[in-house]
Amino acid sequence: MRALVVGSGFLGASVGARLRALGVEPVVASRHPPDTASSRGLPWRELDVRDPAACREVVAGTDALVVVHGPSDITWCERNPAETAAAHAGGAANIAAAADGRPVLLISTDNVFDGTRPSSAETDEVSPANAYGKAKLAAERTLLDTGAALALRVSLVYGWEPDGIRPNFFTTCARALLDGSGVDVPDDHWNTPVLVDDVAAWTAALLMAGRTGLLHLGGPERLTRYAWARRIALALGADPALVRSQPRAEGHYASRPVNACLHSAKAHKLPELASLAPLGVDGGALALTEIAANDVVED
């Protein structure tokens, strides 16, 4: 299988690496060459998904696609809804046309829900919480209409990402805790965090199995960012008092739904996922803390 991963950021590179480890020939595609450790060694093609001709050219010669491109800073997206829609919804339309029936797996988001439920399953009614959620929902519908796509909605993805443009929550917390500066996080914003390795493993398994439709992936624990950050501190051996509580509405997370949580009513029925149960946050932290501590010391 020759797979095109549209998006070369932290998650896209992790998916590409997982596919390569399983014997798939991956190529990552994005507007700019990736320059992070997670993307090292992966073949790259230049691609702006807003360009229909470029999409046709890059998709040609591939067997399947994973779509994980576009702006994901939800605060930025809320301030720039037109650019967000052009990248996600418009890009999905161009990719759907270029794919011409090839299997496509879209990585989507919990922000297609308004957060009024503690957690959302695949059968729950969508109601996007923000511009990012609206754009991703439009992308879902465009690709699902082809009949050859799977939309995998994932909850908050985390891992160790020291060289990314906008590091994820775990990396941001770990750095601030290890250097003693501390971190301000909301105690009224709930998530079901999922380790990037688990997202990559599910993505590769589902793509290779040829699944279509809609599926959710959230971590096994529902907790606030404040509670999660304190558990990261404990795993790192840092003082939990360095985690400072801040109301969601007063900080960077104001445009997020109160409950950004997912669970699945379908995943347990899929044999390719039987051995891929996602780690809880303590297991994820244990897997990452040694790497994080060593990198911070080297810096």
Protein backbone atom coordinates (compact mmCIF):
# COMPACT_ATOMS: atom_id res chain seq x y z
CA MET A 1 0.00 0.00 0.00
CA ARG A 2 1.17 3.51 -0.86
CA ALA A 3 -0.40 5.97 1.56
CA LEU A 4 -0.46 9.76 1.37
CA VAL A 5 -0.62 11.51 4.74
CA VAL A 6 -1.95 15.02 4.15
CA GLY A 7 -0.37 16.99 6.98
CA SER A 8 3.20 16.70 8.25
CA GLY A 9 2.80 18.00 11.80
CA PHE A 10 3.17 16.01 15.01
CA LEU A 11 0.19 13.73 14.42
CA GLY A 12 0.70 13.38 10.67
CA ALA A 13 4.35 12.43 11.14
CA SER A 14 3.40 9.93 13.85
CA VAL A 15 0.85 8.32 11.54
CA GLY A 16 3.43 8.17 8.75
CA ALA A 17 5.95 6.50 11.04
CA ARG A 18 3.38 3.93 12.19
CA LEU A 19 2.40 3.11 8.61
CA ARG A 20 6.03 2.68 7.63
CA ALA A 21 6.60 0.31 10.57
CA LEU A 22 3.71 -1.82 9.25
CA GLY A 23 5.18 -2.10 5.76
CA VAL A 24 3.16 0.65 4.12
CA GLU A 25 4.95 3.18 1.89
CA PRO A 26 3.98 6.58 3.36
CA VAL A 27 4.48 10.05 1.94
CA VAL A 28 3.63 13.13 3.99
CA ALA A 29 2.39 16.23 2.21
CA SER A 30 2.11 19.82 3.40
CA ARG A 31 2.71 23.40 2.32
CA HIS A 32 6.11 23.57 3.99
CA PRO A 33 8.79 20.90 4.51
CA PRO A 34 8.58 19.31 7.97
CA ASP A 35 11.53 20.01 10.24
CA THR A 36 10.68 18.06 13.39
CA ALA A 37 12.27 14.92 14.78
CA SER A 38 9.00 13.00 14.44
CA SER A 39 8.99 13.54 10.64
CA ARG A 40 12.63 12.59 10.08
CA GLY A 41 13.12 10.10 7.27
CA LEU A 42 9.60 10.36 5.87
CA PRO A 43 9.29 11.24 2.17
CA TRP A 44 7.63 14.63 1.62
CA ARG A 45 5.63 16.31 -1.15
CA GLU A 46 4.64 19.94 -1.28
CA LEU A 47 0.86 20.39 -1.22
CA ASP A 48 -1.58 23.21 -0.61
CA VAL A 49 -4.98 21.52 -0.26
CA ARG A 50 -6.72 24.70 -1.40
CA ASP A 51 -5.32 24.03 -4.91
CA PRO A 52 -7.42 21.42 -6.75
CA ALA A 53 -4.79 20.75 -9.43
CA ALA A 54 -2.08 20.24 -6.82
CA CYS A 55 -4.31 17.78 -4.98
CA ARG A 56 -4.85 15.74 -8.15
CA GLU A 57 -1.13 15.68 -8.89
CA VAL A 58 -0.01 14.60 -5.41
CA VAL A 59 -2.78 12.03 -4.92
CA ALA A 60 -2.00 10.32 -8.23
CA GLY A 61 -0.07 7.10 -7.71
CA THR A 62 -1.27 6.57 -4.12
CA ASP A 63 -3.62 3.87 -2.87
CA ALA A 64 -5.08 5.50 0.24
CA LEU A 65 -5.04 8.77 2.15
CA VAL A 66 -4.94 9.99 5.74
CA VAL A 67 -6.08 13.59 6.12
CA VAL A 68 -4.76 15.42 9.19
CA HIS A 69 -3.93 18.85 7.76
CA GLY A 70 -4.87 22.43 8.44
CA PRO A 71 -4.86 24.88 11.36
CA SER A 72 -5.73 23.25 14.69
CA ASP A 73 -5.15 26.14 17.09
CA ILE A 74 -8.78 26.57 18.07
CA THR A 75 -8.31 30.11 19.34
CA TRP A 76 -6.70 31.14 16.04
CA CYS A 77 -9.45 29.40 14.08
CA GLU A 78 -12.12 31.28 16.02
CA ARG A 79 -10.48 34.56 14.99
CA ASN A 80 -9.99 33.45 11.38
CA PRO A 81 -13.09 31.45 10.38
CA ALA A 82 -12.78 32.04 6.63
CA GLU A 83 -9.20 30.77 6.47
CA THR A 84 -10.14 27.83 8.69
CA ALA A 85 -13.03 26.85 6.43
CA ALA A 86 -10.88 27.19 3.29
CA ALA A 87 -8.25 24.84 4.68
CA HIS A 88 -10.50 22.21 6.24
CA ALA A 89 -13.80 22.26 4.36
CA GLY A 90 -12.43 23.53 1.05
CA GLY A 91 -9.40 21.27 1.28
CA ALA A 92 -11.60 18.25 1.95
CA ALA A 93 -13.62 18.97 -1.17
CA ASN A 94 -10.46 19.08 -3.27
CA ILE A 95 -9.11 15.91 -1.67
CA ALA A 96 -12.41 14.08 -2.18
CA ALA A 97 -12.37 14.95 -5.87
CA ALA A 98 -8.73 13.98 -6.28
CA ALA A 99 -9.13 10.73 -4.32
CA ASP A 100 -11.67 9.52 -6.88
CA GLY A 101 -12.87 6.59 -4.78
CA ARG A 102 -9.63 5.83 -2.97
CA PRO A 103 -9.99 5.12 0.77
CA VAL A 104 -9.64 8.25 2.90
CA LEU A 105 -9.33 8.46 6.68
CA LEU A 106 -10.00 11.92 8.09
CA ILE A 107 -8.79 12.75 11.57
CA SER A 108 -11.58 14.89 13.02
CA THR A 109 -12.34 16.43 16.40
CA ASP A 110 -14.50 16.48 19.53
CA ASN A 111 -15.25 20.13 18.73
CA VAL A 112 -18.07 19.05 16.41
CA PHE A 113 -20.05 18.80 19.67
CA ASP A 114 -21.15 21.70 21.89
CA GLY A 115 -19.98 20.10 25.13
CA THR A 116 -23.37 19.98 26.85
CA ARG A 117 -22.99 16.21 27.41
CA PRO A 118 -20.27 14.82 29.69
CA SER A 119 -19.04 12.76 26.72
CA SER A 120 -20.24 12.14 23.17
CA ALA A 121 -20.62 8.93 21.17
CA GLU A 122 -20.93 8.43 17.42
CA THR A 123 -24.74 8.48 17.56
CA ASP A 124 -24.98 11.79 19.44
CA GLU A 125 -26.22 14.86 17.60
CA VAL A 126 -23.50 17.22 16.39
CA SER A 127 -23.55 20.92 17.18
CA PRO A 128 -20.14 22.53 16.57
CA ALA A 129 -18.75 24.54 19.45
CA ASN A 130 -16.60 26.90 17.37
CA ALA A 131 -15.26 27.74 13.91
CA TYR A 132 -12.83 24.82 14.02
CA GLY A 133 -15.63 22.37 14.78
CA LYS A 134 -17.79 23.79 11.99
CA ALA A 135 -14.99 23.46 9.44
CA LYS A 136 -14.12 19.90 10.49
CA LEU A 137 -17.77 18.85 10.39
CA ALA A 138 -18.06 20.19 6.85
CA ALA A 139 -14.91 18.24 5.93
CA GLU A 140 -16.39 15.07 7.47
CA ARG A 141 -19.60 15.35 5.49
CA THR A 142 -17.82 16.01 2.22
CA LEU A 143 -15.55 13.00 2.56
CA LEU A 144 -18.19 10.66 4.01
CA ASP A 145 -20.43 11.46 1.05
CA THR A 146 -17.89 9.68 -1.18
CA GLY A 147 -18.73 6.35 0.49
CA ALA A 148 -15.02 5.51 0.76
CA ALA A 149 -14.07 7.49 3.86
CA LEU A 150 -13.81 7.08 7.61
CA ALA A 151 -14.01 10.09 9.93
CA LEU A 152 -12.08 9.27 13.08
CA ARG A 153 -12.94 11.86 15.71
CA VAL A 154 -10.21 12.05 18.33
CA SER A 155 -10.11 13.74 21.69
CA LEU A 156 -7.21 15.83 22.95
CA VAL A 157 -4.03 14.32 21.48
CA TYR A 158 -0.82 14.54 23.49
CA GLY A 159 2.79 13.39 23.43
CA TRP A 160 6.33 14.75 23.70
CA GLU A 161 6.75 17.37 20.96
CA PRO A 162 9.77 19.55 21.77
CA ASP A 163 10.31 21.00 18.30
CA GLY A 164 6.75 21.65 17.14
CA ILE A 165 5.43 25.08 16.21
CA ARG A 166 2.66 24.87 18.81
CA PRO A 167 3.48 22.11 21.31
CA ASN A 168 0.63 20.06 22.71
CA PHE A 169 -0.66 20.27 26.28
CA PHE A 170 1.59 17.58 27.73
CA THR A 171 4.73 19.16 26.29
CA THR A 172 3.72 22.65 27.42
CA CYS A 173 3.01 21.43 30.96
CA ALA A 174 6.16 19.31 31.18
CA ARG A 175 8.41 22.19 30.17
CA ALA A 176 6.80 24.64 32.57
CA LEU A 177 6.87 22.16 35.44
CA LEU A 178 10.46 21.08 34.89
CA ASP A 179 11.79 24.64 34.66
CA GLY A 180 9.82 25.69 37.74
CA SER A 181 7.78 28.44 36.08
CA GLY A 182 4.47 26.63 36.54
CA VAL A 183 1.38 26.59 34.38
CA ASP A 184 -2.12 28.13 34.49
CA VAL A 185 -4.80 25.67 33.37
CA PRO A 186 -8.60 25.50 33.66
CA ASP A 187 -10.30 23.42 36.32
CA ASP A 188 -13.62 23.56 34.45
CA HIS A 189 -12.61 22.15 31.06
CA TRP A 190 -13.00 18.37 30.71
CA ASN A 191 -11.14 16.13 28.29
CA THR A 192 -10.52 12.46 27.48
CA PRO A 193 -6.83 12.76 26.48
CA VAL A 194 -5.38 10.22 24.06
CA LEU A 195 -1.68 9.50 23.46
CA VAL A 196 -0.44 10.27 19.95
CA ASP A 197 0.93 6.72 19.60
CA ASP A 198 -2.57 5.33 20.18
CA VAL A 199 -4.07 7.65 17.57
CA ALA A 200 -1.43 6.59 15.05
CA ALA A 201 -2.00 2.91 15.83
CA TRP A 202 -5.77 3.18 15.40
CA THR A 203 -5.40 5.22 12.22
CA ALA A 204 -3.08 2.69 10.57
CA ALA A 205 -5.19 -0.29 11.64
CA LEU A 206 -8.45 1.23 10.43
CA LEU A 207 -6.97 2.40 7.13
CA MET A 208 -5.49 -1.01 6.39
CA ALA A 209 -8.79 -2.70 7.32
CA GLY A 210 -10.67 -0.48 4.88
CA ARG A 211 -13.15 0.84 7.42
CA THR A 212 -15.64 3.55 6.45
CA GLY A 213 -18.17 5.63 8.35
CA LEU A 214 -17.72 7.33 11.70
CA LEU A 215 -15.71 6.33 14.77
CA HIS A 216 -14.63 7.96 18.04
CA LEU A 217 -11.32 7.65 19.87
CA GLY A 218 -10.97 9.13 23.33
CA GLY A 219 -8.72 8.13 26.17
CA PRO A 220 -10.16 5.97 28.97
CA GLU A 221 -10.25 8.79 31.54
CA ARG A 222 -12.38 11.93 31.70
CA LEU A 223 -10.70 14.68 33.73
CA THR A 224 -10.09 18.41 33.81
CA ARG A 225 -6.92 19.92 32.43
CA TYR A 226 -6.09 21.04 35.96
CA ALA A 227 -6.33 17.50 37.34
CA TRP A 228 -4.37 16.17 34.39
CA ALA A 229 -1.59 18.73 34.79
CA ARG A 230 -1.20 17.80 38.46
CA ARG A 231 -0.83 14.14 37.50
CA ILE A 232 1.79 15.12 34.92
CA ALA A 233 3.62 16.95 37.71
CA LEU A 234 3.57 13.85 39.91
CA ALA A 235 4.90 11.70 37.07
CA LEU A 236 7.74 14.17 36.48
CA GLY A 237 8.56 14.47 40.16
CA ALA A 238 7.64 18.17 40.08
CA ASP A 239 5.71 20.11 42.71
CA PRO A 240 1.95 19.88 41.92
CA ALA A 241 1.58 23.36 43.44
CA LEU A 242 3.18 24.66 40.23
CA VAL A 243 -0.14 23.88 38.54
CA ARG A 244 -2.36 26.93 39.04
CA SER A 245 -6.13 26.87 38.53
CA GLN A 246 -7.65 29.26 36.01
CA PRO A 247 -11.30 29.47 34.80
CA ARG A 248 -11.70 28.27 31.22
CA ALA A 249 -13.42 31.51 30.18
CA GLU A 250 -10.45 33.63 31.26
CA GLY A 251 -7.72 31.93 29.27
CA HIS A 252 -6.66 30.31 26.02
CA TYR A 253 -9.43 27.69 26.24
CA ALA A 254 -12.43 30.03 26.25
CA SER A 255 -13.64 28.95 22.80
CA ARG A 256 -13.47 25.23 23.65
CA PRO A 257 -16.56 23.30 24.76
CA VAL A 258 -16.74 22.62 28.50
CA ASN A 259 -16.79 18.88 27.81
CA ALA A 260 -14.36 18.03 25.00
CA CYS A 261 -14.80 14.31 25.63
CA LEU A 262 -15.41 11.31 23.38
CA HIS A 263 -16.27 7.65 23.81
CA SER A 264 -17.12 4.98 21.26
CA ALA A 265 -20.11 2.66 20.97
CA LYS A 266 -18.52 0.90 17.98
CA ALA A 267 -14.80 0.38 18.56
CA HIS A 268 -15.18 -2.77 20.70
CA LYS A 269 -16.78 -4.54 17.73
CA LEU A 270 -13.78 -4.05 15.40
CA PRO A 271 -11.24 -6.90 15.53
CA GLU A 272 -8.34 -4.78 14.26
CA LEU A 273 -8.63 -2.66 17.41
CA ALA A 274 -8.84 -5.54 19.89
CA SER A 275 -5.20 -5.24 21.00
CA LEU A 276 -5.03 -1.43 20.75
CA ALA A 277 -6.69 -0.20 23.94
CA PRO A 278 -5.58 3.41 24.53
CA LEU A 279 -3.44 4.21 27.57
CA GLY A 280 -4.70 6.25 30.49
CA VAL A 281 -2.99 9.52 31.34
CA ASP A 282 -0.73 7.98 34.01
CA GLY A 283 0.48 5.29 31.61
CA GLY A 284 1.00 7.91 28.94
CA ALA A 285 2.95 10.13 31.33
CA LEU A 286 5.18 7.26 32.40
CA ALA A 287 5.92 6.53 28.75
CA LEU A 288 6.90 10.15 28.12
CA THR A 289 8.48 11.51 31.29
CA GLU A 290 11.97 10.06 30.82
CA ILE A 291 12.13 11.41 27.27
CA ALA A 292 10.83 14.81 28.39
CA ALA A 293 13.21 15.10 31.35
CA ASN A 294 16.23 14.18 29.24
CA ASP A 295 15.32 16.66 26.51
CA VAL A 296 14.76 19.51 28.97
CA VAL A 297 18.10 18.81 30.68
CA GLU A 298 19.87 18.84 27.31
CA ASP A 299 18.24 22.16 26.40
